[in-house]
N, C-alpha and C. Protein backbone atom coordinates (compact mmCIF):
# COMPACT_ATOMS: atom_id res chain seq x y z
N UNK A 1 -4.04 -18.55 9.99
CA UNK A 1 -4.03 -17.22 9.44
C UNK A 1 -5.05 -16.37 10.19
N UNK A 2 -4.65 -15.24 10.68
CA UNK A 2 -5.52 -14.35 11.43
C UNK A 2 -5.79 -13.11 10.58
N UNK A 3 -6.96 -13.06 9.94
CA UNK A 3 -7.28 -11.98 9.02
C UNK A 3 -7.31 -10.62 9.72
N UNK A 4 -7.87 -10.58 10.93
CA UNK A 4 -7.92 -9.31 11.67
C UNK A 4 -6.52 -8.81 11.99
N UNK A 5 -5.62 -9.73 12.32
CA UNK A 5 -4.24 -9.33 12.62
C UNK A 5 -3.56 -8.78 11.37
N UNK A 6 -3.78 -9.44 10.22
CA UNK A 6 -3.20 -8.95 8.98
C UNK A 6 -3.73 -7.56 8.65
N UNK A 7 -5.04 -7.38 8.77
CA UNK A 7 -5.64 -6.08 8.50
C UNK A 7 -5.05 -5.03 9.43
N UNK A 8 -4.96 -5.36 10.70
CA UNK A 8 -4.41 -4.44 11.68
C UNK A 8 -2.97 -4.05 11.34
N UNK A 9 -2.15 -5.04 11.04
CA UNK A 9 -0.74 -4.79 10.73
C UNK A 9 -0.61 -3.88 9.51
N UNK A 10 -1.32 -4.21 8.45
CA UNK A 10 -1.19 -3.45 7.22
C UNK A 10 -1.72 -2.03 7.39
N UNK A 11 -2.87 -1.87 8.04
CA UNK A 11 -3.40 -0.52 8.26
C UNK A 11 -2.47 0.31 9.13
N UNK A 12 -1.90 -0.30 10.16
CA UNK A 12 -0.97 0.43 11.03
C UNK A 12 0.26 0.89 10.25
N UNK A 13 0.78 0.03 9.40
CA UNK A 13 1.97 0.39 8.63
C UNK A 13 1.64 1.51 7.64
N UNK A 14 0.50 1.39 6.96
CA UNK A 14 0.11 2.43 6.00
C UNK A 14 -0.10 3.76 6.71
N UNK A 15 -0.78 3.73 7.83
CA UNK A 15 -1.01 4.95 8.61
C UNK A 15 0.32 5.59 9.00
N UNK A 16 1.25 4.77 9.45
CA UNK A 16 2.56 5.26 9.86
C UNK A 16 3.34 5.81 8.66
N UNK A 17 3.34 5.07 7.55
CA UNK A 17 4.06 5.50 6.35
C UNK A 17 3.55 6.84 5.85
N UNK A 18 2.26 7.01 5.91
CA UNK A 18 1.65 8.25 5.41
C UNK A 18 1.66 9.36 6.45
N UNK A 19 2.15 9.03 7.63
CA UNK A 19 2.25 9.98 8.74
C UNK A 19 0.91 10.69 8.99
N UNK A 20 -0.12 9.87 9.11
CA UNK A 20 -1.47 10.39 9.33
C UNK A 20 -1.88 10.24 10.78
N UNK A 21 -2.62 11.20 11.26
CA UNK A 21 -3.24 11.06 12.58
C UNK A 21 -4.42 10.11 12.43
N UNK A 22 -4.96 9.70 13.55
CA UNK A 22 -6.13 8.81 13.53
C UNK A 22 -7.28 9.48 12.77
N UNK A 23 -7.51 10.75 13.06
CA UNK A 23 -8.59 11.48 12.41
C UNK A 23 -8.34 11.62 10.91
N UNK A 24 -7.13 11.98 10.53
CA UNK A 24 -6.80 12.14 9.11
C UNK A 24 -6.97 10.83 8.35
N UNK A 25 -6.51 9.74 8.97
CA UNK A 25 -6.59 8.44 8.30
C UNK A 25 -8.03 7.97 8.19
N UNK A 26 -8.83 8.19 9.23
CA UNK A 26 -10.24 7.79 9.16
C UNK A 26 -10.98 8.61 8.09
N UNK A 27 -10.62 9.89 7.97
CA UNK A 27 -11.23 10.72 6.93
C UNK A 27 -10.81 10.26 5.54
N UNK A 28 -9.53 9.91 5.38
CA UNK A 28 -9.05 9.41 4.10
C UNK A 28 -9.79 8.14 3.70
N UNK A 29 -10.01 7.26 4.67
CA UNK A 29 -10.68 5.99 4.41
C UNK A 29 -12.20 6.11 4.39
N UNK A 30 -12.69 7.27 4.81
CA UNK A 30 -14.13 7.52 4.91
C UNK A 30 -14.83 6.50 5.79
N UNK A 31 -14.22 6.26 6.97
CA UNK A 31 -14.82 5.42 7.99
C UNK A 31 -14.74 6.18 9.31
N UNK A 32 -15.51 5.75 10.28
CA UNK A 32 -15.49 6.45 11.56
C UNK A 32 -14.15 6.22 12.27
N UNK A 33 -13.81 7.18 13.10
CA UNK A 33 -12.58 7.09 13.88
C UNK A 33 -12.63 5.87 14.80
N UNK A 34 -13.78 5.60 15.40
CA UNK A 34 -13.90 4.46 16.32
C UNK A 34 -13.75 3.14 15.58
N UNK A 35 -14.30 3.05 14.36
CA UNK A 35 -14.13 1.82 13.57
C UNK A 35 -12.65 1.64 13.22
N UNK A 36 -11.99 2.71 12.82
CA UNK A 36 -10.57 2.63 12.49
C UNK A 36 -9.77 2.17 13.70
N UNK A 37 -10.07 2.70 14.88
CA UNK A 37 -9.36 2.28 16.09
C UNK A 37 -9.51 0.79 16.32
N UNK A 38 -10.71 0.26 16.10
CA UNK A 38 -10.93 -1.18 16.28
C UNK A 38 -10.12 -1.98 15.27
N UNK A 39 -10.10 -1.54 14.01
CA UNK A 39 -9.34 -2.26 12.98
C UNK A 39 -7.84 -2.21 13.26
N UNK A 40 -7.37 -1.05 13.70
CA UNK A 40 -5.94 -0.90 14.00
C UNK A 40 -5.51 -1.76 15.19
N UNK A 41 -6.40 -1.96 16.13
CA UNK A 41 -6.08 -2.77 17.31
C UNK A 41 -6.27 -4.27 17.06
N UNK A 42 -6.88 -4.60 15.92
CA UNK A 42 -7.14 -6.01 15.62
C UNK A 42 -8.42 -6.52 16.24
N UNK A 43 -9.20 -5.62 16.87
CA UNK A 43 -10.42 -6.03 17.55
C UNK A 43 -11.65 -5.91 16.64
N UNK A 44 -11.55 -5.11 15.58
CA UNK A 44 -12.69 -4.90 14.70
C UNK A 44 -12.96 -6.12 13.83
N UNK A 45 -14.17 -6.21 13.36
CA UNK A 45 -14.57 -7.31 12.50
C UNK A 45 -15.34 -6.75 11.31
N UNK A 46 -14.61 -6.12 10.36
CA UNK A 46 -15.30 -5.47 9.24
C UNK A 46 -15.91 -6.50 8.30
N UNK A 47 -17.04 -6.11 7.69
CA UNK A 47 -17.64 -7.00 6.70
C UNK A 47 -16.91 -6.83 5.36
N UNK A 48 -17.24 -7.67 4.41
CA UNK A 48 -16.54 -7.67 3.13
C UNK A 48 -16.67 -6.34 2.40
N UNK A 49 -17.84 -5.73 2.45
CA UNK A 49 -18.00 -4.45 1.75
C UNK A 49 -17.13 -3.37 2.37
N UNK A 50 -16.93 -3.42 3.68
CA UNK A 50 -16.04 -2.46 4.34
C UNK A 50 -14.59 -2.70 3.92
N UNK A 51 -14.18 -3.95 3.85
CA UNK A 51 -12.82 -4.28 3.39
C UNK A 51 -12.62 -3.76 1.98
N UNK A 52 -13.60 -3.99 1.11
CA UNK A 52 -13.51 -3.52 -0.27
C UNK A 52 -13.44 -2.00 -0.32
N UNK A 53 -14.22 -1.33 0.50
CA UNK A 53 -14.22 0.13 0.56
C UNK A 53 -12.85 0.66 0.98
N UNK A 54 -12.30 0.11 2.05
CA UNK A 54 -10.99 0.54 2.55
C UNK A 54 -9.92 0.29 1.50
N UNK A 55 -9.95 -0.87 0.88
CA UNK A 55 -8.96 -1.19 -0.15
C UNK A 55 -9.05 -0.21 -1.32
N UNK A 56 -10.26 0.11 -1.72
CA UNK A 56 -10.46 1.05 -2.83
C UNK A 56 -9.88 2.41 -2.46
N UNK A 57 -10.12 2.85 -1.24
CA UNK A 57 -9.60 4.15 -0.79
C UNK A 57 -8.08 4.15 -0.73
N UNK A 58 -7.48 3.00 -0.43
CA UNK A 58 -6.02 2.89 -0.36
C UNK A 58 -5.39 2.57 -1.72
N UNK A 59 -6.22 2.19 -2.69
CA UNK A 59 -5.71 1.85 -4.01
C UNK A 59 -5.01 0.51 -4.06
N UNK A 60 -5.47 -0.43 -3.23
CA UNK A 60 -4.87 -1.76 -3.19
C UNK A 60 -5.96 -2.82 -3.27
N UNK A 61 -5.55 -4.05 -3.45
CA UNK A 61 -6.50 -5.16 -3.52
C UNK A 61 -7.03 -5.49 -2.13
N UNK A 62 -8.33 -5.82 -2.03
CA UNK A 62 -8.86 -6.26 -0.74
C UNK A 62 -8.12 -7.49 -0.21
N UNK A 63 -7.70 -8.36 -1.11
CA UNK A 63 -6.95 -9.56 -0.68
C UNK A 63 -5.66 -9.17 0.03
N UNK A 64 -5.04 -8.12 -0.45
CA UNK A 64 -3.80 -7.65 0.16
C UNK A 64 -4.03 -7.25 1.61
N UNK A 65 -5.18 -6.62 1.87
CA UNK A 65 -5.50 -6.19 3.24
C UNK A 65 -5.67 -7.37 4.18
N UNK A 66 -6.24 -8.44 3.68
CA UNK A 66 -6.55 -9.57 4.54
C UNK A 66 -5.46 -10.64 4.57
N UNK A 67 -4.83 -10.85 3.45
CA UNK A 67 -3.90 -11.97 3.34
C UNK A 67 -2.45 -11.54 3.34
N UNK A 68 -2.21 -10.25 3.23
CA UNK A 68 -0.84 -9.75 3.19
C UNK A 68 -0.08 -10.14 4.43
N UNK A 69 0.96 -10.90 4.23
CA UNK A 69 1.81 -11.34 5.34
C UNK A 69 3.20 -10.80 5.07
N UNK A 70 3.39 -9.53 5.37
CA UNK A 70 4.63 -8.85 5.03
C UNK A 70 5.33 -8.36 6.28
N UNK A 71 6.63 -8.26 6.16
CA UNK A 71 7.39 -7.55 7.18
C UNK A 71 7.22 -6.06 6.90
N UNK A 72 7.39 -5.25 7.91
CA UNK A 72 7.15 -3.82 7.77
C UNK A 72 7.98 -3.21 6.64
N UNK A 73 9.25 -3.60 6.53
CA UNK A 73 10.09 -3.01 5.49
C UNK A 73 9.65 -3.43 4.09
N UNK A 74 9.10 -4.65 3.95
CA UNK A 74 8.59 -5.10 2.65
C UNK A 74 7.36 -4.29 2.27
N UNK A 75 6.45 -4.11 3.21
CA UNK A 75 5.25 -3.36 2.93
C UNK A 75 5.59 -1.90 2.64
N UNK A 76 6.54 -1.36 3.37
CA UNK A 76 6.97 0.01 3.14
C UNK A 76 7.48 0.19 1.72
N UNK A 77 8.30 -0.75 1.25
CA UNK A 77 8.82 -0.68 -0.12
C UNK A 77 7.68 -0.81 -1.12
N UNK A 78 6.74 -1.72 -0.86
CA UNK A 78 5.59 -1.90 -1.75
C UNK A 78 4.78 -0.61 -1.85
N UNK A 79 4.53 0.03 -0.71
CA UNK A 79 3.73 1.26 -0.71
C UNK A 79 4.43 2.38 -1.46
N UNK A 80 5.75 2.44 -1.33
CA UNK A 80 6.51 3.46 -2.08
C UNK A 80 6.40 3.20 -3.58
N UNK A 81 6.46 1.93 -3.98
CA UNK A 81 6.30 1.60 -5.39
C UNK A 81 4.91 1.97 -5.89
N UNK A 82 3.89 1.74 -5.07
CA UNK A 82 2.53 2.10 -5.45
C UNK A 82 2.40 3.62 -5.63
N UNK A 83 3.04 4.38 -4.76
CA UNK A 83 3.03 5.84 -4.89
C UNK A 83 3.69 6.27 -6.19
N UNK A 84 4.80 5.62 -6.53
CA UNK A 84 5.49 5.93 -7.79
C UNK A 84 4.60 5.61 -8.98
N UNK A 85 3.94 4.46 -8.94
CA UNK A 85 3.05 4.09 -10.05
C UNK A 85 1.91 5.09 -10.20
N UNK A 86 1.40 5.58 -9.09
CA UNK A 86 0.35 6.57 -9.15
C UNK A 86 0.85 7.84 -9.82
N UNK A 87 2.06 8.28 -9.43
CA UNK A 87 2.64 9.47 -10.06
C UNK A 87 2.89 9.24 -11.54
N UNK A 88 3.39 8.05 -11.89
CA UNK A 88 3.66 7.73 -13.29
C UNK A 88 2.40 7.75 -14.14
N UNK A 89 1.31 7.31 -13.57
CA UNK A 89 0.07 7.26 -14.35
C UNK A 89 -0.39 8.65 -14.77
N UNK A 90 0.08 9.67 -14.07
CA UNK A 90 -0.29 11.05 -14.42
C UNK A 90 0.60 11.65 -15.50
N UNK A 91 1.70 10.97 -15.83
CA UNK A 91 2.62 11.50 -16.84
C UNK A 91 2.07 11.29 -18.25
N UNK A 92 2.48 12.15 -19.17
CA UNK A 92 2.12 11.92 -20.57
C UNK A 92 2.75 10.61 -21.06
N UNK A 93 2.17 10.04 -22.09
CA UNK A 93 2.59 8.74 -22.62
C UNK A 93 4.08 8.70 -22.93
N UNK A 94 4.60 9.71 -23.58
CA UNK A 94 6.02 9.70 -23.96
C UNK A 94 6.94 9.65 -22.74
N UNK A 95 6.60 10.35 -21.69
CA UNK A 95 7.41 10.33 -20.47
C UNK A 95 7.31 8.98 -19.77
N UNK A 96 6.12 8.37 -19.80
CA UNK A 96 5.97 7.02 -19.21
C UNK A 96 6.83 6.02 -19.98
N UNK A 97 6.84 6.12 -21.30
CA UNK A 97 7.67 5.22 -22.11
C UNK A 97 9.15 5.42 -21.79
N UNK A 98 9.56 6.66 -21.67
CA UNK A 98 10.98 6.95 -21.36
C UNK A 98 11.34 6.40 -19.98
N UNK A 99 10.45 6.56 -19.02
CA UNK A 99 10.68 6.02 -17.69
C UNK A 99 10.85 4.50 -17.76
N UNK A 100 9.98 3.84 -18.52
CA UNK A 100 10.06 2.38 -18.66
C UNK A 100 11.38 1.98 -19.29
N UNK A 101 11.84 2.72 -20.29
CA UNK A 101 13.13 2.42 -20.93
C UNK A 101 14.27 2.53 -19.92
N UNK A 102 14.25 3.60 -19.15
CA UNK A 102 15.32 3.80 -18.16
C UNK A 102 15.27 2.74 -17.07
N UNK A 103 14.08 2.37 -16.65
CA UNK A 103 13.94 1.33 -15.64
C UNK A 103 14.49 0.00 -16.15
N UNK A 104 14.18 -0.34 -17.39
CA UNK A 104 14.71 -1.57 -17.97
C UNK A 104 16.23 -1.53 -18.05
N UNK A 105 16.77 -0.37 -18.35
CA UNK A 105 18.23 -0.23 -18.39
C UNK A 105 18.84 -0.45 -17.00
N UNK A 106 18.22 0.10 -15.99
CA UNK A 106 18.70 -0.09 -14.62
C UNK A 106 18.63 -1.57 -14.24
N UNK A 107 17.52 -2.21 -14.56
CA UNK A 107 17.37 -3.63 -14.24
C UNK A 107 18.42 -4.46 -14.94
N UNK A 108 18.73 -4.12 -16.19
CA UNK A 108 19.75 -4.88 -16.92
C UNK A 108 21.12 -4.74 -16.27
N UNK A 109 21.37 -3.63 -15.61
CA UNK A 109 22.65 -3.44 -14.92
C UNK A 109 22.81 -4.43 -13.77
N UNK A 110 21.71 -4.77 -13.10
CA UNK A 110 21.76 -5.74 -12.00
C UNK A 110 22.16 -7.11 -12.49
N UNK A 111 21.73 -7.44 -13.69
CA UNK A 111 22.02 -8.76 -14.22
C UNK A 111 23.34 -8.85 -14.96
N UNK A 112 24.02 -7.72 -15.08
CA UNK A 112 25.27 -7.68 -15.84
C UNK A 112 26.44 -8.24 -15.07
N UNK A 113 27.60 -8.19 -15.68
CA UNK A 113 28.85 -8.67 -15.08
C UNK A 113 29.20 -7.81 -13.88
N UNK A 114 29.35 -8.45 -12.72
CA UNK A 114 29.64 -7.71 -11.49
C UNK A 114 31.05 -7.15 -11.47
N UNK A 115 31.93 -7.64 -12.34
CA UNK A 115 33.31 -7.13 -12.39
C UNK A 115 33.43 -5.91 -13.29
N UNK A 116 32.42 -5.65 -14.11
CA UNK A 116 32.52 -4.57 -15.08
C UNK A 116 31.73 -3.43 -14.69
């Protein structure tokens, strides 16, 4: 397992998904542009507090940054779901409940009779 490679892959995918420039992404993460370049290339060696800081800024687990072994399309789908969850958390309780009801209904359709 290559932790630097995992970090590099995940940061590159997130940067691409968010369509951020190097400067914009480094500002979002509150790290220097040069440090970000090293992490994106897989050459950087961040300490644990830096990993935790980056994860907090991205709203994900530090373990995900280091151990995430995802294909780009899997990570892309995960990030979209995280964005949806963030938006949902801002909704009033009644709307969140209604969303959950509708989501459960959609999920039940997947498990239903494929002929009907």
